């Protein structure tokens, strides 16, 4: 059995598969309404509190944006390099 490279304690349930971006960046939605962004070593780069739990995987669009839908009826668009969210 191989060694576990890393783990990250989210403090909340994860209901959907994370999205993986460039350089192994992971985008993880949580039940407690947060989007977590982790590097390929499992370190938290940034997070954003959203309105509503995240039960669907984040989606990386062809336009380079990250899209996150919440159970609160909101769709967020994130610019992964600017860390800013724009609720839609």
PDB file of N, CA and C in Angstrom:
ATOM      1  N   UNK A   1       0.845  -1.180   0.000  1.00  0.00           N
ATOM      2  CA  UNK A   1       0.000   0.000   0.000  1.00  0.00           C
ATOM      3  C   UNK A   1       0.890   1.243   0.000  1.00  0.00           C
ATOM      4  N   UNK A   2       0.553   2.213  -0.854  1.00  0.00           N
ATOM      5  CA  UNK A   2       1.356   3.423  -0.975  1.00  0.00           C
ATOM      6  C   UNK A   2       1.098   4.408   0.151  1.00  0.00           C
ATOM      7  N   UNK A   3       2.013   5.329   0.304  1.00  0.00           N
ATOM      8  CA  UNK A   3       1.882   6.364   1.332  1.00  0.00           C
ATOM      9  C   UNK A   3       0.847   7.401   0.902  1.00  0.00           C
ATOM     10  N   UNK A   4       0.157   7.950   1.862  1.00  0.00           N
ATOM     11  CA  UNK A   4      -0.818   9.015   1.600  1.00  0.00           C
ATOM     12  C   UNK A   4      -0.051  10.320   1.491  1.00  0.00           C
ATOM     13  N   UNK A   5      -0.093  10.988   0.331  1.00  0.00           N
ATOM     14  CA  UNK A   5       0.707  12.200   0.158  1.00  0.00           C
ATOM     15  C   UNK A   5       0.320  13.342   1.103  1.00  0.00           C
ATOM     16  N   UNK A   6      -0.990  13.540   1.321  1.00  0.00           N
ATOM     17  CA  UNK A   6      -1.449  14.599   2.218  1.00  0.00           C
ATOM     18  C   UNK A   6      -2.930  14.431   2.487  1.00  0.00           C
ATOM     19  N   UNK A   7      -3.406  15.157   3.499  1.00  0.00           N
ATOM     20  CA  UNK A   7      -4.838  15.258   3.770  1.00  0.00           C
ATOM     21  C   UNK A   7      -5.135  16.662   4.271  1.00  0.00           C
ATOM     22  N   UNK A   8      -6.386  17.074   4.111  1.00  0.00           N
ATOM     23  CA  UNK A   8      -6.812  18.403   4.550  1.00  0.00           C
ATOM     24  C   UNK A   8      -8.126  18.250   5.287  1.00  0.00           C
ATOM     25  N   UNK A   9      -8.213  18.764   6.490  1.00  0.00           N
ATOM     26  CA  UNK A   9      -9.426  18.697   7.295  1.00  0.00           C
ATOM     27  C   UNK A   9     -10.302  19.894   6.963  1.00  0.00           C
ATOM     28  N   UNK A  10     -11.439  19.655   6.313  1.00  0.00           N
ATOM     29  CA  UNK A  10     -12.320  20.753   5.898  1.00  0.00           C
ATOM     30  C   UNK A  10     -13.201  21.242   7.041  1.00  0.00           C
ATOM     31  N   UNK A  11     -13.469  20.391   8.019  1.00  0.00           N
ATOM     32  CA  UNK A  11     -14.364  20.768   9.099  1.00  0.00           C
ATOM     33  C   UNK A  11     -15.825  20.664   8.711  1.00  0.00           C
ATOM     34  N   UNK A  12     -16.092  20.133   7.528  1.00  0.00           N
ATOM     35  CA  UNK A  12     -17.463  20.006   7.030  1.00  0.00           C
ATOM     36  C   UNK A  12     -17.522  18.858   6.033  1.00  0.00           C
ATOM     37  N   UNK A  13     -18.744  18.394   5.767  1.00  0.00           N
ATOM     38  CA  UNK A  13     -18.923  17.336   4.765  1.00  0.00           C
ATOM     39  C   UNK A  13     -18.636  17.872   3.369  1.00  0.00           C
ATOM     40  N   UNK A  14     -18.159  16.974   2.512  1.00  0.00           N
ATOM     41  CA  UNK A  14     -17.956  17.260   1.095  1.00  0.00           C
ATOM     42  C   UNK A  14     -18.929  16.364   0.341  1.00  0.00           C
ATOM     43  N   UNK A  15     -19.853  16.949  -0.399  1.00  0.00           N
ATOM     44  CA  UNK A  15     -20.904  16.191  -1.091  1.00  0.00           C
ATOM     45  C   UNK A  15     -20.616  15.980  -2.570  1.00  0.00           C
ATOM     46  N   UNK A  16     -19.655  16.708  -3.122  1.00  0.00           N
ATOM     47  CA  UNK A  16     -19.387  16.630  -4.556  1.00  0.00           C
ATOM     48  C   UNK A  16     -17.891  16.488  -4.815  1.00  0.00           C
ATOM     49  N   UNK A  17     -17.590  15.926  -5.947  1.00  0.00           N
ATOM     50  CA  UNK A  17     -16.197  15.757  -6.357  1.00  0.00           C
ATOM     51  C   UNK A  17     -15.545  17.111  -6.570  1.00  0.00           C
ATOM     52  N   UNK A  18     -14.305  17.291  -6.108  1.00  0.00           N
ATOM     53  CA  UNK A  18     -13.594  18.550  -6.365  1.00  0.00           C
ATOM     54  C   UNK A  18     -13.291  18.708  -7.854  1.00  0.00           C
ATOM     55  N   UNK A  19     -13.063  19.926  -8.272  1.00  0.00           N
ATOM     56  CA  UNK A  19     -12.581  20.211  -9.624  1.00  0.00           C
ATOM     57  C   UNK A  19     -11.074  20.428  -9.538  1.00  0.00           C
ATOM     58  N   UNK A  20     -10.363  20.005 -10.584  1.00  0.00           N
ATOM     59  CA  UNK A  20      -8.917  20.189 -10.606  1.00  0.00           C
ATOM     60  C   UNK A  20      -8.559  21.137 -11.738  1.00  0.00           C
ATOM     61  N   UNK A  21      -7.774  22.155 -11.390  1.00  0.00           N
ATOM     62  CA  UNK A  21      -7.351  23.140 -12.373  1.00  0.00           C
ATOM     63  C   UNK A  21      -5.880  22.998 -12.718  1.00  0.00           C
ATOM     64  N   UNK A  22      -5.345  24.051 -13.283  1.00  0.00           N
ATOM     65  CA  UNK A  22      -3.936  24.068 -13.671  1.00  0.00           C
ATOM     66  C   UNK A  22      -3.036  23.875 -12.461  1.00  0.00           C
ATOM     67  N   UNK A  23      -1.901  23.256 -12.689  1.00  0.00           N
ATOM     68  CA  UNK A  23      -0.876  23.027 -11.652  1.00  0.00           C
ATOM     69  C   UNK A  23      -1.410  22.226 -10.473  1.00  0.00           C
ATOM     70  N   UNK A  24      -2.463  21.431 -10.704  1.00  0.00           N
ATOM     71  CA  UNK A  24      -2.977  20.572  -9.643  1.00  0.00           C
ATOM     72  C   UNK A  24      -3.821  21.275  -8.604  1.00  0.00           C
ATOM     73  N   UNK A  25      -4.216  22.523  -8.848  1.00  0.00           N
ATOM     74  CA  UNK A  25      -5.057  23.266  -7.899  1.00  0.00           C
ATOM     75  C   UNK A  25      -6.407  22.551  -7.784  1.00  0.00           C
ATOM     76  N   UNK A  26      -6.885  22.371  -6.542  1.00  0.00           N
ATOM     77  CA  UNK A  26      -8.177  21.742  -6.295  1.00  0.00           C
ATOM     78  C   UNK A  26      -9.179  22.762  -5.780  1.00  0.00           C
ATOM     79  N   UNK A  27     -10.406  22.676  -6.291  1.00  0.00           N
ATOM     80  CA  UNK A  27     -11.525  23.532  -5.886  1.00  0.00           C
ATOM     81  C   UNK A  27     -12.550  22.626  -5.227  1.00  0.00           C
ATOM     82  N   UNK A  28     -12.786  22.829  -3.926  1.00  0.00           N
ATOM     83  CA  UNK A  28     -13.618  21.927  -3.133  1.00  0.00           C
ATOM     84  C   UNK A  28     -14.783  22.707  -2.532  1.00  0.00           C
ATOM     85  N   UNK A  29     -16.000  22.241  -2.788  1.00  0.00           N
ATOM     86  CA  UNK A  29     -17.181  22.838  -2.181  1.00  0.00           C
ATOM     87  C   UNK A  29     -17.569  22.060  -0.937  1.00  0.00           C
ATOM     88  N   UNK A  30     -18.058  22.755   0.079  1.00  0.00           N
ATOM     89  CA  UNK A  30     -18.404  22.099   1.340  1.00  0.00           C
ATOM     90  C   UNK A  30     -19.872  22.310   1.712  1.00  0.00           C
ATOM     91  N   UNK A  31     -20.322  21.473   2.615  1.00  0.00           N
ATOM     92  CA  UNK A  31     -21.686  21.556   3.134  1.00  0.00           C
ATOM     93  C   UNK A  31     -21.894  22.837   3.937  1.00  0.00           C
ATOM     94  N   UNK A  32     -20.832  23.366   4.542  1.00  0.00           N
ATOM     95  CA  UNK A  32     -20.975  24.586   5.351  1.00  0.00           C
ATOM     96  C   UNK A  32     -20.744  25.867   4.542  1.00  0.00           C
ATOM     97  N   UNK A  33     -21.044  25.783   3.234  1.00  0.00           N
ATOM     98  CA  UNK A  33     -21.131  26.961   2.363  1.00  0.00           C
ATOM     99  C   UNK A  33     -19.794  27.617   2.029  1.00  0.00           C
ATOM    100  N   UNK A  34     -18.728  26.819   1.946  1.00  0.00           N
ATOM    101  CA  UNK A  34     -17.421  27.389   1.605  1.00  0.00           C
ATOM    102  C   UNK A  34     -16.867  26.752   0.337  1.00  0.00           C
ATOM    103  N   UNK A  35     -16.165  27.552  -0.429  1.00  0.00           N
ATOM    104  CA  UNK A  35     -15.342  27.066  -1.518  1.00  0.00           C
ATOM    105  C   UNK A  35     -13.909  27.126  -1.027  1.00  0.00           C
ATOM    106  N   UNK A  36     -13.236  25.985  -1.014  1.00  0.00           N
ATOM    107  CA  UNK A  36     -11.842  25.906  -0.588  1.00  0.00           C
ATOM    108  C   UNK A  36     -10.968  25.704  -1.816  1.00  0.00           C
ATOM    109  N   UNK A  37      -9.839  26.383  -1.864  1.00  0.00           N
ATOM    110  CA  UNK A  37      -8.900  26.243  -2.968  1.00  0.00           C
ATOM    111  C   UNK A  37      -7.570  25.775  -2.377  1.00  0.00           C
ATOM    112  N   UNK A  38      -7.142  24.576  -2.805  1.00  0.00           N
ATOM    113  CA  UNK A  38      -5.944  23.940  -2.261  1.00  0.00           C
ATOM    114  C   UNK A  38      -4.897  23.763  -3.348  1.00  0.00           C
ATOM    115  N   UNK A  39      -3.635  23.876  -2.963  1.00  0.00           N
ATOM    116  CA  UNK A  39      -2.578  23.598  -3.929  1.00  0.00           C
ATOM    117  C   UNK A  39      -2.338  22.091  -4.003  1.00  0.00           C
ATOM    118  N   UNK A  40      -1.422  21.673  -4.855  1.00  0.00           N
ATOM    119  CA  UNK A  40      -1.201  20.241  -5.059  1.00  0.00           C
ATOM    120  C   UNK A  40      -0.497  19.560  -3.885  1.00  0.00           C
ATOM    121  N   UNK A  41      -0.153  20.328  -2.846  1.00  0.00           N
ATOM    122  CA  UNK A  41       0.415  19.761  -1.617  1.00  0.00           C
ATOM    123  C   UNK A  41      -0.606  19.749  -0.481  1.00  0.00           C
ATOM    124  N   UNK A  42      -1.844  20.180  -0.778  1.00  0.00           N
ATOM    125  CA  UNK A  42      -2.890  20.170   0.233  1.00  0.00           C
ATOM    126  C   UNK A  42      -2.928  21.394   1.126  1.00  0.00           C
ATOM    127  N   UNK A  43      -2.246  22.462   0.739  1.00  0.00           N
ATOM    128  CA  UNK A  43      -2.255  23.697   1.521  1.00  0.00           C
ATOM    129  C   UNK A  43      -3.371  24.618   1.026  1.00  0.00           C
ATOM    130  N   UNK A  44      -4.077  25.238   1.962  1.00  0.00           N
ATOM    131  CA  UNK A  44      -5.151  26.157   1.620  1.00  0.00           C
ATOM    132  C   UNK A  44      -4.571  27.426   1.011  1.00  0.00           C
ATOM    133  N   UNK A  45      -4.998  27.746  -0.210  1.00  0.00           N
ATOM    134  CA  UNK A  45      -4.568  28.973  -0.875  1.00  0.00           C
ATOM    135  C   UNK A  45      -5.521  30.119  -0.559  1.00  0.00           C
ATOM    136  N   UNK A  46      -6.812  29.852  -0.660  1.00  0.00           N
ATOM    137  CA  UNK A  46      -7.838  30.828  -0.314  1.00  0.00           C
ATOM    138  C   UNK A  46      -9.164  30.111  -0.176  1.00  0.00           C
ATOM    139  N   UNK A  47     -10.121  30.808   0.410  1.00  0.00           N
ATOM    140  CA  UNK A  47     -11.469  30.275   0.550  1.00  0.00           C
ATOM    141  C   UNK A  47     -12.462  31.413   0.439  1.00  0.00           C
ATOM    142  N   UNK A  48     -13.688  31.050   0.102  1.00  0.00           N
ATOM    143  CA  UNK A  48     -14.747  32.042  -0.001  1.00  0.00           C
ATOM    144  C   UNK A  48     -16.009  31.459   0.620  1.00  0.00           C
ATOM    145  N   UNK A  49     -16.696  32.258   1.421  1.00  0.00           N
ATOM    146  CA  UNK A  49     -17.959  31.840   2.016  1.00  0.00           C
ATOM    147  C   UNK A  49     -19.081  32.211   1.053  1.00  0.00           C
ATOM    148  N   UNK A  50     -19.895  31.219   0.686  1.00  0.00           N
ATOM    149  CA  UNK A  50     -20.983  31.424  -0.260  1.00  0.00           C
ATOM    150  C   UNK A  50     -22.319  31.307   0.455  1.00  0.00           C
ATOM    151  N   UNK A  51     -23.375  31.657  -0.220  1.00  0.00           N
ATOM    152  CA  UNK A  51     -24.717  31.531   0.359  1.00  0.00           C
ATOM    153  C   UNK A  51     -25.346  30.230  -0.117  1.00  0.00           C
ATOM    154  N   UNK A  52     -25.186  29.191   0.691  1.00  0.00           N
ATOM    155  CA  UNK A  52     -25.762  27.896   0.372  1.00  0.00           C
ATOM    156  C   UNK A  52     -24.710  26.808   0.307  1.00  0.00           C
ATOM    157  N   UNK A  53     -25.112  25.618   0.735  1.00  0.00           N
ATOM    158  CA  UNK A  53     -24.224  24.452   0.671  1.00  0.00           C
ATOM    159  C   UNK A  53     -23.919  24.116  -0.791  1.00  0.00           C
ATOM    160  N   UNK A  54     -22.777  23.484  -1.009  1.00  0.00           N
ATOM    161  CA  UNK A  54     -22.350  23.127  -2.362  1.00  0.00           C
ATOM    162  C   UNK A  54     -22.473  21.610  -2.519  1.00  0.00           C
ATOM    163  N   UNK A  55     -23.449  21.168  -3.328  1.00  0.00           N
ATOM    164  CA  UNK A  55     -23.692  19.740  -3.534  1.00  0.00           C
ATOM    165  C   UNK A  55     -23.314  19.276  -4.929  1.00  0.00           C
ATOM    166  N   UNK A  56     -22.923  20.192  -5.803  1.00  0.00           N
ATOM    167  CA  UNK A  56     -22.518  19.847  -7.166  1.00  0.00           C
ATOM    168  C   UNK A  56     -21.050  20.217  -7.350  1.00  0.00           C
ATOM    169  N   UNK A  57     -20.348  19.476  -8.188  1.00  0.00           N
ATOM    170  CA  UNK A  57     -18.926  19.805  -8.407  1.00  0.00           C
ATOM    171  C   UNK A  57     -18.755  21.188  -9.016  1.00  0.00           C
ATOM    172  N   UNK A  58     -17.745  21.943  -8.579  1.00  0.00           N
ATOM    173  CA  UNK A  58     -17.402  23.182  -9.274  1.00  0.00           C
ATOM    174  C   UNK A  58     -17.017  22.842 -10.720  1.00  0.00           C
ATOM    175  N   UNK A  59     -17.229  23.782 -11.623  1.00  0.00           N
ATOM    176  CA  UNK A  59     -16.946  23.551 -13.044  1.00  0.00           C
ATOM    177  C   UNK A  59     -15.969  24.603 -13.538  1.00  0.00           C
ATOM    178  N   UNK A  60     -14.903  24.149 -14.199  1.00  0.00           N
ATOM    179  CA  UNK A  60     -13.960  25.057 -14.846  1.00  0.00           C
ATOM    180  C   UNK A  60     -14.420  25.257 -16.279  1.00  0.00           C
ATOM    181  N   UNK A  61     -14.789  26.498 -16.626  1.00  0.00           N
ATOM    182  CA  UNK A  61     -15.304  26.791 -17.955  1.00  0.00           C
ATOM    183  C   UNK A  61     -14.198  26.987 -18.976  1.00  0.00           C
ATOM    184  N   UNK A  62     -14.580  26.893 -20.236  1.00  0.00           N
ATOM    185  CA  UNK A  62     -13.642  27.113 -21.335  1.00  0.00           C
ATOM    186  C   UNK A  62     -13.091  28.531 -21.318  1.00  0.00           C
ATOM    187  N   UNK A  63     -13.829  29.435 -20.661  1.00  0.00           N
ATOM    188  CA  UNK A  63     -13.402  30.832 -20.560  1.00  0.00           C
ATOM    189  C   UNK A  63     -12.413  31.068 -19.424  1.00  0.00           C
ATOM    190  N   UNK A  64     -12.047  30.000 -18.694  1.00  0.00           N
ATOM    191  CA  UNK A  64     -11.089  30.120 -17.600  1.00  0.00           C
ATOM    192  C   UNK A  64     -11.724  30.430 -16.260  1.00  0.00           C
ATOM    193  N   UNK A  65     -13.033  30.662 -16.246  1.00  0.00           N
ATOM    194  CA  UNK A  65     -13.733  30.958 -14.997  1.00  0.00           C
ATOM    195  C   UNK A  65     -14.099  29.662 -14.277  1.00  0.00           C
ATOM    196  N   UNK A  66     -14.243  29.770 -12.966  1.00  0.00           N
ATOM    197  CA  UNK A  66     -14.701  28.666 -12.136  1.00  0.00           C
ATOM    198  C   UNK A  66     -16.138  28.975 -11.741  1.00  0.00           C
ATOM    199  N   UNK A  67     -17.053  28.035 -12.003  1.00  0.00           N
ATOM    200  CA  UNK A  67     -18.466  28.224 -11.706  1.00  0.00           C
ATOM    201  C   UNK A  67     -18.884  27.296 -10.576  1.00  0.00           C
ATOM    202  N   UNK A  68     -19.600  27.867  -9.594  1.00  0.00           N
ATOM    203  CA  UNK A  68     -20.039  27.110  -8.427  1.00  0.00           C
ATOM    204  C   UNK A  68     -21.512  27.416  -8.187  1.00  0.00           C
ATOM    205  N   UNK A  69     -22.336  26.366  -8.154  1.00  0.00           N
ATOM    206  CA  UNK A  69     -23.761  26.503  -7.853  1.00  0.00           C
ATOM    207  C   UNK A  69     -23.996  26.069  -6.411  1.00  0.00           C
ATOM    208  N   UNK A  70     -24.899  26.767  -5.719  1.00  0.00           N
ATOM    209  CA  UNK A  70     -25.181  26.421  -4.325  1.00  0.00           C
ATOM    210  C   UNK A  70     -26.640  26.023  -4.150  1.00  0.00           C
ATOM    211  N   UNK A  71     -26.905  25.359  -3.049  1.00  0.00           N
ATOM    212  CA  UNK A  71     -28.262  24.973  -2.694  1.00  0.00           C
ATOM    213  C   UNK A  71     -29.088  26.201  -2.316  1.00  0.00           C
ATOM    214  N   UNK A  72     -28.454  27.338  -2.142  1.00  0.00           N
ATOM    215  CA  UNK A  72     -29.143  28.586  -1.855  1.00  0.00           C
ATOM    216  C   UNK A  72     -29.690  29.262  -3.106  1.00  0.00           C
ATOM    217  N   UNK A  73     -29.577  28.586  -4.259  1.00  0.00           N
ATOM    218  CA  UNK A  73     -30.115  29.116  -5.499  1.00  0.00           C
ATOM    219  C   UNK A  73     -29.237  30.155  -6.168  1.00  0.00           C
ATOM    220  N   UNK A  74     -27.945  30.138  -5.879  1.00  0.00           N
ATOM    221  CA  UNK A  74     -27.032  31.114  -6.478  1.00  0.00           C
ATOM    222  C   UNK A  74     -25.991  30.403  -7.335  1.00  0.00           C
ATOM    223  N   UNK A  75     -25.577  31.096  -8.378  1.00  0.00           N
ATOM    224  CA  UNK A  75     -24.472  30.647  -9.213  1.00  0.00           C
ATOM    225  C   UNK A  75     -23.375  31.695  -9.093  1.00  0.00           C
ATOM    226  N   UNK A  76     -22.185  31.239  -8.729  1.00  0.00           N
ATOM    227  CA  UNK A  76     -21.033  32.132  -8.564  1.00  0.00           C
ATOM    228  C   UNK A  76     -20.042  31.872  -9.689  1.00  0.00           C
ATOM    229  N   UNK A  77     -19.422  32.944 -10.163  1.00  0.00           N
ATOM    230  CA  UNK A  77     -18.340  32.854 -11.134  1.00  0.00           C
ATOM    231  C   UNK A  77     -17.093  33.415 -10.470  1.00  0.00           C
ATOM    232  N   UNK A  78     -16.044  32.618 -10.457  1.00  0.00           N
ATOM    233  CA  UNK A  78     -14.777  33.023  -9.848  1.00  0.00           C
ATOM    234  C   UNK A  78     -13.713  33.121 -10.916  1.00  0.00           C
ATOM    235  N   UNK A  79     -12.886  34.142 -10.796  1.00  0.00           N
ATOM    236  CA  UNK A  79     -11.678  34.223 -11.590  1.00  0.00           C
ATOM    237  C   UNK A  79     -10.581  33.580 -10.749  1.00  0.00           C
ATOM    238  N   UNK A  80     -10.141  32.367 -11.094  1.00  0.00           N
ATOM    239  CA  UNK A  80      -9.193  31.657 -10.237  1.00  0.00           C
ATOM    240  C   UNK A  80      -7.919  32.437  -9.915  1.00  0.00           C
ATOM    241  N   UNK A  81      -7.463  33.293 -10.822  1.00  0.00           N
ATOM    242  CA  UNK A  81      -6.229  34.037 -10.563  1.00  0.00           C
ATOM    243  C   UNK A  81      -6.460  35.303  -9.745  1.00  0.00           C
ATOM    244  N   UNK A  82      -7.691  35.774  -9.671  1.00  0.00           N
ATOM    245  CA  UNK A  82      -7.967  37.008  -8.925  1.00  0.00           C
ATOM    246  C   UNK A  82      -8.671  36.763  -7.599  1.00  0.00           C
ATOM    247  N   UNK A  83      -9.154  35.557  -7.394  1.00  0.00           N
ATOM    248  CA  UNK A  83      -9.798  35.171  -6.124  1.00  0.00           C
ATOM    249  C   UNK A  83     -11.076  35.945  -5.843  1.00  0.00           C
ATOM    250  N   UNK A  84     -11.656  36.588  -6.818  1.00  0.00           N
ATOM    251  CA  UNK A  84     -12.862  37.382  -6.597  1.00  0.00           C
ATOM    252  C   UNK A  84     -14.086  36.621  -7.062  1.00  0.00           C
ATOM    253  N   UNK A  85     -15.161  36.734  -6.327  1.00  0.00           N
ATOM    254  CA  UNK A  85     -16.392  36.063  -6.740  1.00  0.00           C
ATOM    255  C   UNK A  85     -17.412  37.090  -7.215  1.00  0.00           C
ATOM    256  N   UNK A  86     -18.194  36.679  -8.159  1.00  0.00           N
ATOM    257  CA  UNK A  86     -19.253  37.518  -8.699  1.00  0.00           C
ATOM    258  C   UNK A  86     -20.543  36.715  -8.638  1.00  0.00           C
ATOM    259  N   UNK A  87     -21.417  36.972  -7.660  1.00  0.00           N
ATOM    260  CA  UNK A  87     -22.662  36.203  -7.632  1.00  0.00           C
ATOM    261  C   UNK A  87     -23.554  36.540  -8.809  1.00  0.00           C
ATOM    262  N   UNK A  88     -24.165  35.511  -9.403  1.00  0.00           N
ATOM    263  CA  UNK A  88     -25.075  35.694 -10.546  1.00  0.00           C
ATOM    264  C   UNK A  88     -26.424  35.142 -10.206  1.00  0.00           C
TER     265      UNK A  88
END
